[in-house]
Amino acid sequence: MIKFGTFLFRWRDVIGFIAFGLIWLLARPNWLSIWISLPVIFIGLFFRFWANGYMNKEGRSNEIMAKSLITQGPYRFIRNPLYLGNFFLTLAVLIGSNPPIYLTFLITFLFWVEYSMIINAEQDFLTKQYGEKYLSYCKTTGAIIPKGLFSELRRKPFIKSLRIKSNPKLLLRNAISELQTIIILLIIYALIYLRMGRKF
């Protein structure tokens, strides 16, 4: 399963493209669905910008790698804030496209399966690379949902005790790399808009 998770990580962008193609073919968008989806987009972008601000360039790689174990910013609370952002962006596209309800549930389920396997593959890699330090970090953070959010806000002594290389502050130049996500979303919503005028 770890190898399959690594495979999914390498091809996650292609899988997302195929999934959107299926959504687009069965889409029934209207102005209401598009407007309702916009706040969900902002939530997804917020998590992705925040998370990317603490990441190095390997965050865009097609291979699982980590030059450092990041425990700052959103990583203080959850280990995969980028994937949480992806979930909200996927949900926004589903809402905006307004496909049949069965397809919405299917895509959501497949998203959960795909990223569960990817997360398991990443955790296996990080456990081998950082050992007990990573395992200790896992005990106080959730993969997607925070473990004891309010207690996490008081985790500074714990983070310092890990003594691992970690970005100390948000770097704007890293966050700016998310502009390509905005461009992709603009293209997606342009296609959704075109779908409103097409009947198949």
N, C-alpha and C. Protein backbone atom coordinates (compact mmCIF):
# COMPACT_ATOMS: atom_id res chain seq x y z
N MET A 1 0.82 -1.22 0.00
CA MET A 1 0.00 0.00 0.00
C MET A 1 0.86 1.27 0.00
N ILE A 2 2.05 1.17 0.64
CA ILE A 2 2.95 2.32 0.68
C ILE A 2 3.41 2.66 -0.74
N LYS A 3 3.73 1.63 -1.53
CA LYS A 3 4.17 1.86 -2.91
C LYS A 3 3.05 2.47 -3.74
N PHE A 4 1.82 2.01 -3.50
CA PHE A 4 0.70 2.57 -4.26
C PHE A 4 0.46 4.02 -3.86
N GLY A 5 0.64 4.33 -2.56
CA GLY A 5 0.53 5.71 -2.10
C GLY A 5 1.57 6.60 -2.76
N THR A 6 2.79 6.07 -2.92
CA THR A 6 3.86 6.81 -3.61
C THR A 6 3.49 7.04 -5.07
N PHE A 7 2.89 6.02 -5.69
CA PHE A 7 2.44 6.15 -7.08
C PHE A 7 1.37 7.24 -7.20
N LEU A 8 0.41 7.24 -6.27
CA LEU A 8 -0.64 8.25 -6.29
C LEU A 8 -0.08 9.65 -6.08
N PHE A 9 0.93 9.77 -5.21
CA PHE A 9 1.57 11.06 -4.97
C PHE A 9 2.19 11.58 -6.27
N ARG A 10 2.86 10.69 -7.00
CA ARG A 10 3.56 11.09 -8.22
C ARG A 10 2.58 11.55 -9.30
N TRP A 11 1.40 10.93 -9.34
CA TRP A 11 0.44 11.21 -10.39
C TRP A 11 -0.79 11.97 -9.89
N ARG A 12 -0.70 12.61 -8.73
CA ARG A 12 -1.87 13.25 -8.12
C ARG A 12 -2.45 14.36 -9.00
N ASP A 13 -1.58 15.11 -9.70
CA ASP A 13 -2.07 16.19 -10.56
C ASP A 13 -2.84 15.64 -11.75
N VAL A 14 -2.33 14.57 -12.33
CA VAL A 14 -3.00 13.94 -13.48
C VAL A 14 -4.35 13.37 -13.03
N ILE A 15 -4.37 12.74 -11.86
CA ILE A 15 -5.61 12.18 -11.33
C ILE A 15 -6.64 13.28 -11.12
N GLY A 16 -6.17 14.42 -10.60
CA GLY A 16 -7.07 15.56 -10.40
C GLY A 16 -7.63 16.08 -11.71
N PHE A 17 -6.79 16.11 -12.75
CA PHE A 17 -7.23 16.56 -14.08
C PHE A 17 -8.31 15.63 -14.63
N ILE A 18 -8.10 14.32 -14.49
CA ILE A 18 -9.07 13.34 -14.98
C ILE A 18 -10.39 13.47 -14.21
N ALA A 19 -10.29 13.66 -12.89
CA ALA A 19 -11.49 13.80 -12.07
C ALA A 19 -12.28 15.04 -12.49
N PHE A 20 -11.57 16.16 -12.76
CA PHE A 20 -12.28 17.36 -13.18
C PHE A 20 -12.94 17.16 -14.53
N GLY A 21 -12.28 16.43 -15.43
CA GLY A 21 -12.89 16.15 -16.73
C GLY A 21 -14.21 15.43 -16.58
N LEU A 22 -14.26 14.47 -15.67
CA LEU A 22 -15.50 13.74 -15.42
C LEU A 22 -16.57 14.65 -14.82
N ILE A 23 -16.13 15.48 -13.87
CA ILE A 23 -17.07 16.43 -13.25
C ILE A 23 -17.63 17.37 -14.30
N TRP A 24 -16.75 17.89 -15.18
CA TRP A 24 -17.18 18.86 -16.20
C TRP A 24 -18.19 18.26 -17.17
N LEU A 25 -17.97 17.02 -17.54
CA LEU A 25 -18.88 16.37 -18.49
C LEU A 25 -20.30 16.24 -17.94
N LEU A 26 -20.39 16.05 -16.62
CA LEU A 26 -21.70 15.85 -16.00
C LEU A 26 -22.17 17.09 -15.22
N ALA A 27 -21.45 18.19 -15.39
CA ALA A 27 -21.76 19.40 -14.63
C ALA A 27 -23.08 20.02 -15.06
N ARG A 28 -23.76 20.63 -14.08
CA ARG A 28 -24.99 21.39 -14.33
C ARG A 28 -24.91 22.72 -13.58
N PRO A 29 -23.87 23.51 -13.86
CA PRO A 29 -23.64 24.72 -13.08
C PRO A 29 -24.70 25.79 -13.31
N ASN A 30 -24.86 26.63 -12.31
CA ASN A 30 -25.71 27.82 -12.43
C ASN A 30 -25.05 28.90 -11.59
N TRP A 31 -25.56 30.11 -11.70
CA TRP A 31 -24.92 31.21 -10.97
C TRP A 31 -24.96 31.00 -9.47
N LEU A 32 -26.04 30.41 -8.96
CA LEU A 32 -26.13 30.18 -7.52
C LEU A 32 -25.05 29.22 -7.05
N SER A 33 -24.87 28.11 -7.77
CA SER A 33 -23.86 27.14 -7.36
C SER A 33 -22.46 27.75 -7.40
N ILE A 34 -22.21 28.59 -8.39
CA ILE A 34 -20.89 29.22 -8.50
C ILE A 34 -20.65 30.19 -7.35
N TRP A 35 -21.64 31.02 -7.03
CA TRP A 35 -21.47 31.98 -5.94
C TRP A 35 -21.31 31.27 -4.59
N ILE A 36 -22.06 30.19 -4.38
CA ILE A 36 -21.95 29.45 -3.12
C ILE A 36 -20.55 28.84 -2.97
N SER A 37 -19.93 28.47 -4.09
CA SER A 37 -18.62 27.81 -4.02
C SER A 37 -17.48 28.77 -3.70
N LEU A 38 -17.68 30.07 -3.94
CA LEU A 38 -16.57 31.02 -3.78
C LEU A 38 -16.00 31.09 -2.36
N PRO A 39 -16.83 31.15 -1.30
CA PRO A 39 -16.24 31.16 0.04
C PRO A 39 -15.43 29.90 0.34
N VAL A 40 -15.83 28.77 -0.22
CA VAL A 40 -15.10 27.52 0.00
C VAL A 40 -13.74 27.59 -0.69
N ILE A 41 -13.69 28.24 -1.84
CA ILE A 41 -12.40 28.45 -2.52
C ILE A 41 -11.46 29.25 -1.64
N PHE A 42 -11.96 30.32 -1.04
CA PHE A 42 -11.11 31.17 -0.20
C PHE A 42 -10.56 30.40 1.00
N ILE A 43 -11.37 29.50 1.55
CA ILE A 43 -10.89 28.67 2.67
C ILE A 43 -9.76 27.77 2.19
N GLY A 44 -9.95 27.12 1.03
CA GLY A 44 -8.91 26.26 0.49
C GLY A 44 -7.63 27.00 0.19
N LEU A 45 -7.76 28.17 -0.43
CA LEU A 45 -6.58 28.98 -0.75
C LEU A 45 -5.87 29.46 0.50
N PHE A 46 -6.65 29.80 1.52
CA PHE A 46 -6.04 30.23 2.79
C PHE A 46 -5.12 29.15 3.33
N PHE A 47 -5.59 27.92 3.40
CA PHE A 47 -4.76 26.83 3.93
C PHE A 47 -3.55 26.58 3.05
N ARG A 48 -3.73 26.65 1.74
CA ARG A 48 -2.61 26.38 0.85
C ARG A 48 -1.55 27.50 0.91
N PHE A 49 -1.98 28.76 0.93
CA PHE A 49 -1.03 29.87 1.05
C PHE A 49 -0.28 29.79 2.37
N TRP A 50 -1.02 29.56 3.44
CA TRP A 50 -0.42 29.50 4.77
C TRP A 50 0.59 28.36 4.86
N ALA A 51 0.20 27.19 4.37
CA ALA A 51 1.09 26.04 4.44
C ALA A 51 2.31 26.20 3.55
N ASN A 52 2.11 26.70 2.33
CA ASN A 52 3.23 26.86 1.40
C ASN A 52 4.22 27.90 1.87
N GLY A 53 3.77 28.84 2.68
CA GLY A 53 4.68 29.85 3.21
C GLY A 53 5.77 29.28 4.09
N TYR A 54 5.55 28.05 4.58
CA TYR A 54 6.53 27.39 5.44
C TYR A 54 7.25 26.24 4.74
N MET A 55 6.89 26.01 3.48
CA MET A 55 7.47 24.86 2.78
C MET A 55 8.60 25.29 1.87
N ASN A 56 9.46 24.32 1.56
CA ASN A 56 10.50 24.53 0.57
C ASN A 56 9.99 24.09 -0.80
N LYS A 57 10.81 24.17 -1.81
CA LYS A 57 10.39 23.87 -3.17
C LYS A 57 9.97 22.42 -3.37
N GLU A 58 10.41 21.51 -2.47
CA GLU A 58 10.06 20.12 -2.66
C GLU A 58 8.57 19.86 -2.50
N GLY A 59 7.84 20.86 -1.99
CA GLY A 59 6.39 20.72 -1.87
C GLY A 59 5.71 20.56 -3.21
N ARG A 60 6.36 20.99 -4.29
CA ARG A 60 5.81 20.87 -5.64
C ARG A 60 6.40 19.68 -6.39
N SER A 61 7.25 18.91 -5.74
CA SER A 61 7.92 17.79 -6.40
C SER A 61 6.95 16.64 -6.65
N ASN A 62 7.30 15.80 -7.62
CA ASN A 62 6.54 14.59 -7.89
C ASN A 62 7.08 13.40 -7.12
N GLU A 63 8.11 13.64 -6.32
CA GLU A 63 8.68 12.59 -5.48
C GLU A 63 8.55 13.01 -4.02
N ILE A 64 8.26 12.05 -3.16
CA ILE A 64 8.16 12.34 -1.73
C ILE A 64 9.56 12.65 -1.20
N MET A 65 9.73 13.84 -0.64
CA MET A 65 11.02 14.24 -0.09
C MET A 65 10.79 15.27 1.00
N ALA A 66 11.80 15.50 1.82
CA ALA A 66 11.70 16.51 2.88
C ALA A 66 13.10 16.87 3.35
N LYS A 67 13.53 18.10 3.02
CA LYS A 67 14.82 18.57 3.48
C LYS A 67 14.78 18.96 4.95
N SER A 68 13.57 19.20 5.44
CA SER A 68 13.39 19.54 6.85
C SER A 68 12.02 19.10 7.29
N LEU A 69 11.87 18.89 8.59
CA LEU A 69 10.57 18.53 9.17
C LEU A 69 9.94 19.82 9.67
N ILE A 70 8.90 20.27 9.00
CA ILE A 70 8.30 21.57 9.30
C ILE A 70 7.27 21.41 10.42
N THR A 71 7.41 22.23 11.45
CA THR A 71 6.49 22.15 12.59
C THR A 71 5.95 23.52 12.97
N GLN A 72 6.08 24.49 12.08
CA GLN A 72 5.62 25.85 12.36
C GLN A 72 4.36 26.16 11.57
N GLY A 73 3.77 27.33 11.83
CA GLY A 73 2.58 27.74 11.10
C GLY A 73 1.45 26.73 11.28
N PRO A 74 0.76 26.37 10.19
CA PRO A 74 -0.35 25.42 10.30
C PRO A 74 0.12 24.03 10.70
N TYR A 75 1.43 23.75 10.49
CA TYR A 75 1.98 22.44 10.83
C TYR A 75 2.08 22.24 12.34
N ARG A 76 1.85 23.27 13.10
CA ARG A 76 1.76 23.12 14.55
C ARG A 76 0.49 22.37 14.95
N PHE A 77 -0.51 22.44 14.07
CA PHE A 77 -1.83 21.90 14.41
C PHE A 77 -2.17 20.63 13.64
N ILE A 78 -1.81 20.60 12.36
CA ILE A 78 -2.06 19.41 11.54
C ILE A 78 -0.85 19.15 10.66
N ARG A 79 -0.68 17.89 10.28
CA ARG A 79 0.52 17.52 9.52
C ARG A 79 0.36 17.73 8.02
N ASN A 80 -0.87 17.89 7.55
CA ASN A 80 -1.11 17.98 6.11
C ASN A 80 -2.04 19.14 5.75
N PRO A 81 -1.68 20.37 6.08
CA PRO A 81 -2.57 21.50 5.77
C PRO A 81 -2.76 21.72 4.27
N LEU A 82 -1.76 21.35 3.46
CA LEU A 82 -1.92 21.48 2.01
C LEU A 82 -3.06 20.59 1.51
N TYR A 83 -3.14 19.39 2.05
CA TYR A 83 -4.18 18.47 1.61
C TYR A 83 -5.55 18.89 2.12
N LEU A 84 -5.56 19.53 3.27
CA LEU A 84 -6.82 20.10 3.76
C LEU A 84 -7.29 21.20 2.81
N GLY A 85 -6.33 22.02 2.35
CA GLY A 85 -6.66 23.05 1.37
C GLY A 85 -7.16 22.43 0.08
N ASN A 86 -6.52 21.35 -0.35
CA ASN A 86 -6.95 20.65 -1.57
C ASN A 86 -8.39 20.15 -1.43
N PHE A 87 -8.72 19.66 -0.24
CA PHE A 87 -10.08 19.16 -0.02
C PHE A 87 -11.10 20.27 -0.22
N PHE A 88 -10.84 21.43 0.36
CA PHE A 88 -11.78 22.54 0.22
C PHE A 88 -11.86 23.02 -1.23
N LEU A 89 -10.74 23.02 -1.95
CA LEU A 89 -10.77 23.43 -3.35
C LEU A 89 -11.55 22.42 -4.20
N THR A 90 -11.37 21.14 -3.91
CA THR A 90 -12.13 20.11 -4.62
C THR A 90 -13.61 20.25 -4.32
N LEU A 91 -13.92 20.49 -3.05
CA LEU A 91 -15.32 20.67 -2.66
C LEU A 91 -15.91 21.88 -3.36
N ALA A 92 -15.14 22.96 -3.47
CA ALA A 92 -15.62 24.17 -4.14
C ALA A 92 -15.94 23.90 -5.61
N VAL A 93 -15.06 23.16 -6.28
CA VAL A 93 -15.29 22.84 -7.69
C VAL A 93 -16.54 21.97 -7.85
N LEU A 94 -16.73 21.04 -6.92
CA LEU A 94 -17.93 20.20 -6.96
C LEU A 94 -19.19 21.04 -6.77
N ILE A 95 -19.14 21.95 -5.81
CA ILE A 95 -20.31 22.81 -5.56
C ILE A 95 -20.58 23.69 -6.77
N GLY A 96 -19.52 24.31 -7.30
CA GLY A 96 -19.69 25.21 -8.44
C GLY A 96 -20.16 24.49 -9.69
N SER A 97 -19.68 23.27 -9.90
CA SER A 97 -20.06 22.51 -11.08
C SER A 97 -21.46 21.92 -10.97
N ASN A 98 -21.86 21.64 -9.73
CA ASN A 98 -23.20 21.09 -9.48
C ASN A 98 -23.48 19.82 -10.29
N PRO A 99 -22.59 18.81 -10.18
CA PRO A 99 -22.85 17.55 -10.90
C PRO A 99 -23.91 16.74 -10.16
N PRO A 100 -24.34 15.60 -10.71
CA PRO A 100 -25.28 14.74 -9.99
C PRO A 100 -24.73 14.38 -8.61
N ILE A 101 -25.61 14.22 -7.65
CA ILE A 101 -25.20 14.01 -6.26
C ILE A 101 -24.35 12.77 -6.11
N TYR A 102 -24.64 11.72 -6.89
CA TYR A 102 -23.85 10.49 -6.78
C TYR A 102 -22.40 10.74 -7.15
N LEU A 103 -22.17 11.61 -8.15
CA LEU A 103 -20.80 11.91 -8.56
C LEU A 103 -20.08 12.73 -7.49
N THR A 104 -20.81 13.63 -6.84
CA THR A 104 -20.22 14.41 -5.74
C THR A 104 -19.73 13.49 -4.63
N PHE A 105 -20.55 12.53 -4.24
CA PHE A 105 -20.16 11.58 -3.20
C PHE A 105 -19.02 10.69 -3.67
N LEU A 106 -19.05 10.27 -4.93
CA LEU A 106 -18.00 9.40 -5.46
C LEU A 106 -16.66 10.11 -5.47
N ILE A 107 -16.62 11.34 -5.99
CA ILE A 107 -15.36 12.09 -6.05
C ILE A 107 -14.84 12.36 -4.65
N THR A 108 -15.73 12.72 -3.72
CA THR A 108 -15.31 12.98 -2.33
C THR A 108 -14.72 11.72 -1.71
N PHE A 109 -15.35 10.58 -1.94
CA PHE A 109 -14.85 9.31 -1.40
C PHE A 109 -13.50 8.96 -2.00
N LEU A 110 -13.38 9.10 -3.32
CA LEU A 110 -12.11 8.78 -3.98
C LEU A 110 -10.99 9.73 -3.54
N PHE A 111 -11.35 10.99 -3.29
CA PHE A 111 -10.37 11.95 -2.77
C PHE A 111 -9.86 11.46 -1.42
N TRP A 112 -10.77 11.03 -0.55
CA TRP A 112 -10.39 10.54 0.77
C TRP A 112 -9.49 9.32 0.66
N VAL A 113 -9.83 8.38 -0.22
CA VAL A 113 -9.02 7.18 -0.39
C VAL A 113 -7.63 7.54 -0.92
N GLU A 114 -7.60 8.37 -1.96
CA GLU A 114 -6.31 8.75 -2.57
C GLU A 114 -5.39 9.41 -1.56
N TYR A 115 -5.89 10.43 -0.86
CA TYR A 115 -5.01 11.17 0.03
C TYR A 115 -4.70 10.41 1.31
N SER A 116 -5.56 9.50 1.71
CA SER A 116 -5.23 8.63 2.85
C SER A 116 -4.00 7.79 2.51
N MET A 117 -3.96 7.25 1.29
CA MET A 117 -2.81 6.45 0.87
C MET A 117 -1.56 7.30 0.71
N ILE A 118 -1.74 8.52 0.17
CA ILE A 118 -0.59 9.41 0.02
C ILE A 118 -0.02 9.79 1.39
N ILE A 119 -0.90 10.11 2.32
CA ILE A 119 -0.46 10.47 3.67
C ILE A 119 0.28 9.31 4.32
N ASN A 120 -0.21 8.09 4.15
CA ASN A 120 0.46 6.92 4.72
C ASN A 120 1.86 6.75 4.12
N ALA A 121 1.98 6.98 2.81
CA ALA A 121 3.29 6.88 2.16
C ALA A 121 4.24 7.95 2.68
N GLU A 122 3.75 9.17 2.85
CA GLU A 122 4.58 10.25 3.37
C GLU A 122 4.99 9.98 4.81
N GLN A 123 4.06 9.46 5.60
CA GLN A 123 4.38 9.17 7.00
C GLN A 123 5.44 8.08 7.10
N ASP A 124 5.37 7.09 6.22
CA ASP A 124 6.39 6.04 6.20
C ASP A 124 7.75 6.63 5.87
N PHE A 125 7.78 7.54 4.87
CA PHE A 125 9.04 8.18 4.48
C PHE A 125 9.61 9.02 5.63
N LEU A 126 8.76 9.83 6.25
CA LEU A 126 9.22 10.73 7.31
C LEU A 126 9.63 9.97 8.56
N THR A 127 8.96 8.85 8.83
CA THR A 127 9.35 8.03 9.99
C THR A 127 10.74 7.46 9.78
N LYS A 128 11.03 7.01 8.56
CA LYS A 128 12.37 6.48 8.26
C LYS A 128 13.42 7.57 8.31
N GLN A 129 13.05 8.79 7.90
CA GLN A 129 14.03 9.87 7.83
C GLN A 129 14.27 10.54 9.18
N TYR A 130 13.21 10.69 9.98
CA TYR A 130 13.35 11.43 11.23
C TYR A 130 13.09 10.60 12.49
N GLY A 131 12.64 9.38 12.31
CA GLY A 131 12.52 8.46 13.43
C GLY A 131 11.63 8.94 14.56
N GLU A 132 12.15 8.85 15.76
CA GLU A 132 11.37 9.14 16.96
C GLU A 132 10.91 10.59 17.02
N LYS A 133 11.68 11.49 16.45
CA LYS A 133 11.28 12.90 16.45
C LYS A 133 9.97 13.10 15.67
N TYR A 134 9.87 12.42 14.56
CA TYR A 134 8.64 12.53 13.78
C TYR A 134 7.49 11.82 14.50
N LEU A 135 7.74 10.68 15.10
CA LEU A 135 6.71 9.95 15.81
C LEU A 135 6.18 10.77 17.00
N SER A 136 7.08 11.49 17.66
CA SER A 136 6.67 12.36 18.77
C SER A 136 5.80 13.50 18.26
N TYR A 137 6.17 14.03 17.11
CA TYR A 137 5.38 15.09 16.48
C TYR A 137 3.98 14.59 16.12
N CYS A 138 3.91 13.36 15.63
CA CYS A 138 2.62 12.77 15.25
C CYS A 138 1.69 12.61 16.45
N LYS A 139 2.26 12.37 17.63
CA LYS A 139 1.44 12.15 18.82
C LYS A 139 0.67 13.40 19.23
N THR A 140 1.15 14.56 18.83
CA THR A 140 0.51 15.81 19.27
C THR A 140 -0.21 16.55 18.13
N THR A 141 -0.19 15.97 16.94
CA THR A 141 -0.87 16.60 15.80
C THR A 141 -1.73 15.57 15.08
N GLY A 142 -2.80 16.04 14.47
CA GLY A 142 -3.63 15.17 13.65
C GLY A 142 -3.18 15.23 12.20
N ALA A 143 -3.50 14.20 11.44
CA ALA A 143 -3.14 14.20 10.02
C ALA A 143 -3.86 15.32 9.28
N ILE A 144 -5.16 15.47 9.56
CA ILE A 144 -5.99 16.49 8.93
C ILE A 144 -6.74 17.32 9.97
N ILE A 145 -7.23 16.66 11.02
CA ILE A 145 -7.99 17.33 12.07
C ILE A 145 -7.08 17.53 13.28
N PRO A 146 -7.00 18.75 13.83
CA PRO A 146 -6.12 19.02 14.98
C PRO A 146 -6.47 18.16 16.19
N LYS A 147 -5.45 17.77 16.93
CA LYS A 147 -5.65 17.08 18.20
C LYS A 147 -5.61 18.12 19.30
N GLY A 148 -6.74 18.40 19.92
CA GLY A 148 -6.77 19.37 21.00
C GLY A 148 -6.27 20.72 20.56
N LEU A 149 -7.04 21.43 19.75
CA LEU A 149 -6.60 22.68 19.13
C LEU A 149 -6.07 23.68 20.15
N PHE A 150 -6.77 23.87 21.26
CA PHE A 150 -6.36 24.90 22.22
C PHE A 150 -5.07 24.52 22.94
N SER A 151 -4.89 23.22 23.19
CA SER A 151 -3.64 22.81 23.80
C SER A 151 -2.48 22.95 22.80
N GLU A 152 -2.78 22.80 21.50
CA GLU A 152 -1.76 22.97 20.48
C GLU A 152 -1.20 24.38 20.46
N LEU A 153 -2.03 25.36 20.82
CA LEU A 153 -1.56 26.75 20.82
C LEU A 153 -0.48 26.99 21.85
N ARG A 154 -0.33 26.05 22.78
CA ARG A 154 0.69 26.20 23.82
C ARG A 154 1.84 25.20 23.61
N ARG A 155 2.09 24.84 22.34
CA ARG A 155 3.07 23.81 22.05
C ARG A 155 4.49 24.33 21.84
N LYS A 156 4.77 25.60 22.05
CA LYS A 156 6.11 26.12 21.77
C LYS A 156 7.22 25.35 22.49
N PRO A 157 7.08 25.03 23.79
CA PRO A 157 8.15 24.27 24.44
C PRO A 157 8.38 22.93 23.76
N PHE A 158 7.29 22.28 23.29
CA PHE A 158 7.43 20.99 22.62
C PHE A 158 8.18 21.15 21.30
N ILE A 159 7.79 22.14 20.51
CA ILE A 159 8.45 22.36 19.22
C ILE A 159 9.94 22.61 19.42
N LYS A 160 10.27 23.41 20.42
CA LYS A 160 11.67 23.72 20.67
C LYS A 160 12.44 22.47 21.11
N SER A 161 11.77 21.59 21.85
CA SER A 161 12.45 20.41 22.36
C SER A 161 12.75 19.39 21.26
N LEU A 162 12.09 19.49 20.10
CA LEU A 162 12.35 18.55 19.03
C LEU A 162 13.75 18.73 18.45
N ARG A 163 14.26 19.97 18.48
CA ARG A 163 15.59 20.27 17.96
C ARG A 163 15.77 19.76 16.52
N ILE A 164 14.82 20.09 15.67
CA ILE A 164 14.91 19.70 14.27
C ILE A 164 14.89 20.95 13.42
N LYS A 165 15.47 20.85 12.24
CA LYS A 165 15.50 21.98 11.32
C LYS A 165 14.08 22.31 10.89
N SER A 166 13.65 23.54 11.13
CA SER A 166 12.28 23.92 10.78
C SER A 166 12.25 25.39 10.43
N ASN A 167 11.46 25.75 9.39
CA ASN A 167 11.37 27.15 9.01
C ASN A 167 10.78 27.96 10.15
N PRO A 168 11.47 29.00 10.65
CA PRO A 168 11.01 29.75 11.81
C PRO A 168 9.87 30.71 11.53
N LYS A 169 9.68 31.09 10.28
CA LYS A 169 8.65 32.07 9.98
C LYS A 169 8.13 31.88 8.56
N LEU A 170 6.97 32.47 8.32
CA LEU A 170 6.37 32.38 7.00
C LEU A 170 7.20 33.17 6.00
N LEU A 171 7.50 32.55 4.87
CA LEU A 171 8.28 33.19 3.82
C LEU A 171 7.37 33.53 2.66
N LEU A 172 7.23 34.82 2.36
CA LEU A 172 6.30 35.27 1.33
C LEU A 172 6.65 34.69 -0.03
N ARG A 173 7.94 34.56 -0.32
CA ARG A 173 8.33 34.04 -1.64
C ARG A 173 7.86 32.61 -1.85
N ASN A 174 7.74 31.84 -0.75
CA ASN A 174 7.19 30.49 -0.86
C ASN A 174 5.69 30.53 -1.08
N ALA A 175 4.99 31.39 -0.36
CA ALA A 175 3.54 31.49 -0.49
C ALA A 175 3.13 31.95 -1.87
N ILE A 176 3.97 32.82 -2.49
CA ILE A 176 3.63 33.37 -3.80
C ILE A 176 3.56 32.26 -4.87
N SER A 177 4.23 31.15 -4.61
CA SER A 177 4.18 30.05 -5.58
C SER A 177 2.75 29.53 -5.75
N GLU A 178 1.87 29.86 -4.80
CA GLU A 178 0.48 29.44 -4.90
C GLU A 178 -0.30 30.22 -5.95
N LEU A 179 0.31 31.23 -6.53
CA LEU A 179 -0.37 31.98 -7.60
C LEU A 179 -0.75 31.07 -8.76
N GLN A 180 0.03 30.01 -8.98
CA GLN A 180 -0.31 29.09 -10.05
C GLN A 180 -1.59 28.33 -9.74
N THR A 181 -1.88 28.11 -8.45
CA THR A 181 -3.14 27.48 -8.07
C THR A 181 -4.30 28.39 -8.43
N ILE A 182 -4.14 29.69 -8.23
CA ILE A 182 -5.19 30.65 -8.58
C ILE A 182 -5.42 30.65 -10.09
N ILE A 183 -4.33 30.58 -10.86
CA ILE A 183 -4.46 30.54 -12.32
C ILE A 183 -5.23 29.29 -12.75
N ILE A 184 -4.90 28.15 -12.15
CA ILE A 184 -5.60 26.91 -12.47
C ILE A 184 -7.08 27.02 -12.13
N LEU A 185 -7.38 27.63 -10.99
CA LEU A 185 -8.78 27.80 -10.58
C LEU A 185 -9.53 28.71 -11.54
N LEU A 186 -8.86 29.75 -12.02
CA LEU A 186 -9.49 30.65 -13.00
C LEU A 186 -9.84 29.90 -14.28
N ILE A 187 -8.93 29.04 -14.71
CA ILE A 187 -9.19 28.23 -15.91
C ILE A 187 -10.36 27.27 -15.67
N ILE A 188 -10.35 26.63 -14.50
CA ILE A 188 -11.43 25.70 -14.16
C ILE A 188 -12.78 26.40 -14.15
N TYR A 189 -12.83 27.59 -13.55
CA TYR A 189 -14.11 28.29 -13.46
C TYR A 189 -14.52 28.88 -14.80
N ALA A 190 -13.56 29.18 -15.66
CA ALA A 190 -13.91 29.60 -17.02
C ALA A 190 -14.57 28.45 -17.76
N LEU A 191 -14.05 27.23 -17.56
CA LEU A 191 -14.65 26.05 -18.19
C LEU A 191 -16.04 25.76 -17.61
N ILE A 192 -16.18 25.97 -16.30
CA ILE A 192 -17.50 25.78 -15.68
C ILE A 192 -18.49 26.79 -16.24
N TYR A 193 -18.04 28.02 -16.43
CA TYR A 193 -18.90 29.06 -17.00
C TYR A 193 -19.34 28.67 -18.41
N LEU A 194 -18.38 28.17 -19.21
CA LEU A 194 -18.72 27.75 -20.56
C LEU A 194 -19.72 26.59 -20.54
N ARG A 195 -19.62 25.76 -19.52
CA ARG A 195 -20.53 24.60 -19.41
C ARG A 195 -21.98 25.05 -19.20
N MET A 196 -22.16 26.24 -18.63
CA MET A 196 -23.54 26.71 -18.41
C MET A 196 -24.26 26.94 -19.72
N GLY A 197 -23.49 27.21 -20.77
CA GLY A 197 -24.14 27.49 -22.06
C GLY A 197 -24.14 26.30 -22.99
N ARG A 198 -23.66 25.14 -22.50
CA ARG A 198 -23.59 23.95 -23.33
C ARG A 198 -24.56 22.91 -22.83
N LYS A 199 -25.28 22.27 -23.69
CA LYS A 199 -26.20 21.21 -23.33
C LYS A 199 -25.84 19.96 -24.13
N PHE A 200 -25.59 18.88 -23.39
CA PHE A 200 -25.25 17.62 -24.06
C PHE A 200 -26.32 16.58 -23.79
